[in-house]
Every structure is written in C-alpha cells, then in structure tokens.
Amino acid sequence: MGEKFLKNTYDLNTPQETQAHYQKWAASYEDEVAEHGYATPGRVAEALWSKLPQPDTPILDYGCGTGLSGVALHKVGYRAIDGVDPTPEMLKGAAAKGVYRNLAAIDITDPNPLETGAYKAIAAIGVIGAGAAPPQTFDMLMKVLPKGGLLAFSFNDHTLDDPGYTGRLNEWLDMGAARLLFREHGPHLPGLDLKSDVYIVEKT
C-alpha cells in the first residue's frame, strides 16, 4: 500500500509537523486505518446518540479528517453535521462522503477557532491525543459548548498513558464544571491491538 503513516503518528511534536503529516497521509488514510478495523468513530457516534437522539440537532465534527467520523454520526441518525479540519486534503475526502451540511478549514495555531455556543454537541473522534491535538484542545472545546452541551470524544491507549490528557478531563470533572455521562473502554484499531476510551461529557 505504499508508505505507512499510522506508525509515525504518535511521534509528532508540533502543530506544523502534525498538519504536514496529515496532509501527506490524506490519500491513503482511510485504507490504512480500515486495514486495522478502525472502530472508534462508530463507538463514539453510538454513545452520543444514546444521550442525544435528536436527528436535527446540529453536531460539530471537530477534526473531521476525511469524514469517517461524519459517516459514523450520519449512520446513527444525525442529519445536521458540520465538519472542521486544518488539513485541506482531508477536507476533500470529507466533502466526497456527502454527509456534511457544511465543511470549513480551521487554523491549527488559533487558540480560539470556534464560535462559542454555536453547537449543543461537539464530537472530537480520535482527535485529542498523542500525535494529534494537544491537551488544551479539550479545554477549548469545553469552553465553546453552552451549558448542558455535550462533548463526545475518545482517548486511545497511547493518550490514556499520558497524564496531560486524562488530567485535563479530571480537572473539569473534579471542579464540577463537567459531568461524565458515558465512559467505555473498547476496540480502537483491533488490527494493532489498540483500544480507546469513549466518553460523553456534559458541561454543567
């Protein structure tokens, strides 16, 4: 299948490295993750639907990539899905899926790329973690949610090993600024024996 990008993903250190990596990976991304049975998008989408079974509620797919997460959200029943991603080549793949209402590019270096209160639910599927978005992305997404808004996200095993990520989540929960509605450990990339935690968190 040519160059494999997955194994290098967990070694990226800067936003620029990350963006360049995903830009190059865009063409073969889906084939490579599918080869390993990428299970997390479906798990996150089902968990979100279990807490918010409202087809017409606008959902933001943050870091939508080539649209695998949007397809999963659409499959469970959502019909007003907007996607944002920093990688133009990935967005082309997302547009081809035909499941998004709107798609837009975001600047990976902008600390506040989103409008506050625009979405009752945000999905960040396979986005926040080692080799992808830094821990402060969790804070940014929580801050733009309205009170009672839901964040649906995943931490893979690499990310669960990094206290910088789990620490951010626990800070919000410990302060009472967020409530954990759902958490489940399960398959992420079974072909690599990688698992992930899927979460639904409500902003209080």
Protein backbone atom coordinates (compact mmCIF):
# COMPACT_ATOMS: atom_id res chain seq x y z
CA MET A 1 0.00 0.00 0.00
CA GLY A 2 2.99 2.33 -0.13
CA GLU A 3 4.20 4.44 2.75
CA LYS A 4 2.60 3.73 6.11
CA PHE A 5 1.80 6.80 8.17
CA LEU A 6 0.00 5.34 11.17
CA LYS A 7 3.11 4.16 12.97
CA ASN A 8 4.63 7.66 12.82
CA THR A 9 1.54 9.45 14.10
CA TYR A 10 2.37 9.08 17.78
CA ASP A 11 5.80 10.78 17.39
CA LEU A 12 4.60 14.19 16.17
CA ASN A 13 5.56 17.15 18.33
CA THR A 14 4.39 20.43 16.80
CA PRO A 15 1.20 21.66 15.08
CA GLN A 16 3.23 22.17 11.90
CA GLU A 17 4.57 18.59 11.97
CA THR A 18 1.08 17.28 12.62
CA GLN A 19 -0.50 19.25 9.78
CA ALA A 20 2.21 18.23 7.29
CA HIS A 21 1.84 14.59 8.34
CA TYR A 22 -1.93 14.50 7.82
CA GLN A 23 -1.68 16.42 4.54
CA LYS A 24 0.63 13.71 3.16
CA TRP A 25 -1.42 10.90 4.70
CA ALA A 26 -4.79 12.08 3.33
CA ALA A 27 -4.76 9.92 0.19
CA SER A 28 -4.10 6.61 1.96
CA TYR A 29 -5.50 7.41 5.44
CA GLU A 30 -8.79 5.55 5.11
CA ASP A 31 -7.26 2.43 3.59
CA GLU A 32 -4.65 2.24 6.32
CA VAL A 33 -6.99 2.71 9.29
CA ALA A 34 -9.62 0.43 7.70
CA GLU A 35 -6.97 -2.26 7.34
CA HIS A 36 -6.73 -2.29 11.15
CA GLY A 37 -10.52 -2.19 11.72
CA TYR A 38 -10.88 1.42 12.96
CA ALA A 39 -13.75 1.06 15.45
CA THR A 40 -13.76 4.29 17.46
CA PRO A 41 -15.94 6.52 15.20
CA GLY A 42 -18.87 4.12 15.37
CA ARG A 43 -18.49 3.71 19.14
CA VAL A 44 -18.43 7.48 19.79
CA ALA A 45 -21.39 8.11 17.46
CA GLU A 46 -23.49 5.43 19.15
CA ALA A 47 -22.62 6.76 22.61
CA LEU A 48 -23.60 10.31 21.60
CA TRP A 49 -26.88 9.12 20.08
CA SER A 50 -27.68 7.25 23.32
CA LYS A 51 -27.56 10.60 25.17
CA LEU A 52 -28.86 12.89 22.40
CA PRO A 53 -31.14 11.01 19.96
CA GLN A 54 -32.11 14.13 18.01
CA PRO A 55 -31.56 13.85 14.22
CA ASP A 56 -31.81 17.59 13.51
CA THR A 57 -29.58 18.85 16.34
CA PRO A 58 -26.51 20.47 14.73
CA ILE A 59 -23.38 18.48 15.56
CA LEU A 60 -19.85 19.80 15.05
CA ASP A 61 -17.39 17.13 13.92
CA TYR A 62 -14.15 18.75 15.13
CA GLY A 63 -11.09 17.41 13.32
CA CYS A 64 -13.33 15.60 10.85
CA GLY A 65 -10.44 14.42 8.69
CA THR A 66 -11.60 12.50 5.62
CA GLY A 67 -15.10 12.17 7.07
CA LEU A 68 -15.08 8.70 8.66
CA SER A 69 -16.43 10.30 11.84
CA GLY A 70 -19.15 12.13 9.89
CA VAL A 71 -20.21 8.88 8.23
CA ALA A 72 -20.47 7.26 11.67
CA LEU A 73 -22.54 10.18 13.02
CA HIS A 74 -24.79 10.07 9.96
CA LYS A 75 -25.22 6.30 10.25
CA VAL A 76 -26.63 6.53 13.81
CA GLY A 77 -29.14 9.19 12.75
CA TYR A 78 -27.67 12.73 12.76
CA ARG A 79 -28.62 14.88 9.78
CA ALA A 80 -27.12 18.31 10.56
CA ILE A 81 -23.38 17.60 10.75
CA ASP A 82 -20.79 20.34 10.22
CA GLY A 83 -17.11 19.45 9.92
CA VAL A 84 -13.92 21.41 10.52
CA ASP A 85 -10.33 20.30 9.97
CA PRO A 86 -6.95 22.01 9.46
CA THR A 87 -5.96 19.81 6.50
CA PRO A 88 -7.32 20.77 3.06
CA GLU A 89 -6.58 17.37 1.55
CA MET A 90 -8.53 15.65 4.33
CA LEU A 91 -11.48 18.03 3.82
CA LYS A 92 -11.68 16.99 0.15
CA GLY A 93 -12.21 13.42 1.31
CA ALA A 94 -14.85 14.58 3.78
CA ALA A 95 -16.74 16.51 1.10
CA ALA A 96 -16.87 13.38 -1.07
CA LYS A 97 -18.75 11.49 1.68
CA GLY A 98 -21.90 13.55 1.16
CA VAL A 99 -22.88 13.55 4.85
CA TYR A 100 -21.87 17.08 5.88
CA ARG A 101 -24.05 20.18 5.88
CA ASN A 102 -21.01 22.49 5.99
CA LEU A 103 -17.24 21.97 5.90
CA ALA A 104 -14.57 24.52 6.80
CA ALA A 105 -10.83 24.74 7.33
CA ILE A 106 -9.51 25.88 10.71
CA ASP A 107 -6.10 27.25 11.67
CA ILE A 108 -4.36 24.70 13.90
CA THR A 109 -2.42 27.51 15.62
CA ASP A 110 -5.51 29.58 16.50
CA PRO A 111 -6.30 29.07 20.22
CA ASN A 112 -9.97 30.00 19.66
CA PRO A 113 -11.03 28.76 16.21
CA LEU A 114 -14.72 28.16 17.06
CA GLU A 115 -17.75 30.30 17.80
CA THR A 116 -18.98 29.96 21.38
CA GLY A 117 -22.37 28.37 21.88
CA ALA A 118 -22.93 27.51 18.22
CA TYR A 119 -23.37 23.76 18.86
CA LYS A 120 -25.14 21.77 21.55
CA ALA A 121 -22.86 18.83 20.81
CA ILE A 122 -19.29 18.55 19.56
CA ALA A 123 -17.64 15.29 18.51
CA ALA A 124 -13.84 15.02 18.58
CA ILE A 125 -13.30 11.45 17.44
CA GLY A 126 -9.68 10.29 17.51
CA VAL A 127 -8.64 13.95 17.59
CA ILE A 128 -7.38 14.85 21.06
CA GLY A 129 -4.33 12.75 21.82
CA ALA A 130 -0.74 11.75 21.32
CA GLY A 131 0.36 12.68 17.80
CA ALA A 132 -2.78 14.77 17.21
CA ALA A 133 -4.38 17.68 19.10
CA PRO A 134 -2.78 18.77 22.41
CA PRO A 135 -4.50 18.58 25.84
CA GLN A 136 -5.58 22.24 25.73
CA THR A 137 -7.88 21.35 22.82
CA PHE A 138 -10.11 19.67 25.39
CA ASP A 139 -10.37 22.95 27.34
CA MET A 140 -11.09 24.92 24.17
CA LEU A 141 -13.94 22.62 23.10
CA MET A 142 -15.49 22.59 26.56
CA LYS A 143 -15.37 26.38 26.75
CA VAL A 144 -17.24 26.90 23.47
CA LEU A 145 -20.04 24.50 24.46
CA PRO A 146 -23.16 26.03 26.01
CA LYS A 147 -24.27 24.96 29.49
CA GLY A 148 -25.76 21.49 29.09
CA GLY A 149 -23.77 20.92 25.89
CA LEU A 150 -22.15 17.56 25.19
CA LEU A 151 -18.60 16.70 24.17
CA ALA A 152 -18.21 13.24 22.60
CA PHE A 153 -14.58 12.19 22.31
CA SER A 154 -12.07 9.38 22.57
CA PHE A 155 -8.66 8.80 24.13
CA ASN A 156 -6.69 5.90 22.67
CA ASP A 157 -4.31 3.78 24.75
CA HIS A 158 -1.29 5.99 23.93
CA THR A 159 -3.24 9.02 25.14
CA LEU A 160 -4.55 7.29 28.27
CA ASP A 161 -0.90 6.71 29.24
CA ASP A 162 -0.25 10.48 29.15
CA PRO A 163 -1.46 12.21 32.34
CA GLY A 164 -1.54 15.54 30.46
CA TYR A 165 -4.73 14.39 28.71
CA THR A 166 -6.55 12.46 31.42
CA GLY A 167 -5.58 15.22 33.86
CA ARG A 168 -7.47 17.84 31.84
CA LEU A 169 -10.61 15.73 31.82
CA ASN A 170 -10.34 15.00 35.55
CA GLU A 171 -9.85 18.70 36.36
CA TRP A 172 -13.17 19.56 34.70
CA LEU A 173 -14.93 16.68 36.45
CA ASP A 174 -13.36 17.33 39.87
CA MET A 175 -14.27 21.04 39.74
CA GLY A 176 -17.85 20.14 38.90
CA ALA A 177 -17.57 22.07 35.62
CA ALA A 178 -18.45 18.89 33.71
CA ARG A 179 -20.34 15.66 34.35
CA LEU A 180 -19.32 12.28 32.94
CA LEU A 181 -22.35 10.70 31.24
CA PHE A 182 -20.62 7.81 29.49
CA ARG A 183 -17.25 6.06 29.51
CA GLU A 184 -16.35 2.77 27.90
CA HIS A 185 -13.05 1.07 27.10
CA GLY A 186 -13.16 -0.90 23.86
CA PRO A 187 -11.66 -1.51 20.42
CA HIS A 188 -9.88 1.34 18.61
CA LEU A 189 -7.60 -0.27 16.00
CA PRO A 190 -8.06 -4.01 16.65
CA GLY A 191 -5.52 -4.91 13.96
CA LEU A 192 -2.85 -3.20 16.08
CA ASP A 193 -4.38 -4.38 19.36
CA LEU A 194 -5.01 -0.73 20.28
CA LYS A 195 -8.02 0.22 22.37
CA SER A 196 -9.64 3.51 23.34
CA ASP A 197 -11.88 5.06 25.95
CA VAL A 198 -15.03 6.66 24.56
CA TYR A 199 -16.53 9.49 26.62
CA ILE A 200 -19.62 11.68 26.67
CA VAL A 201 -19.17 14.70 28.97
CA GLU A 202 -21.82 17.30 29.75
CA LYS A 203 -20.85 20.91 30.51
CA THR A 204 -22.53 21.94 33.79
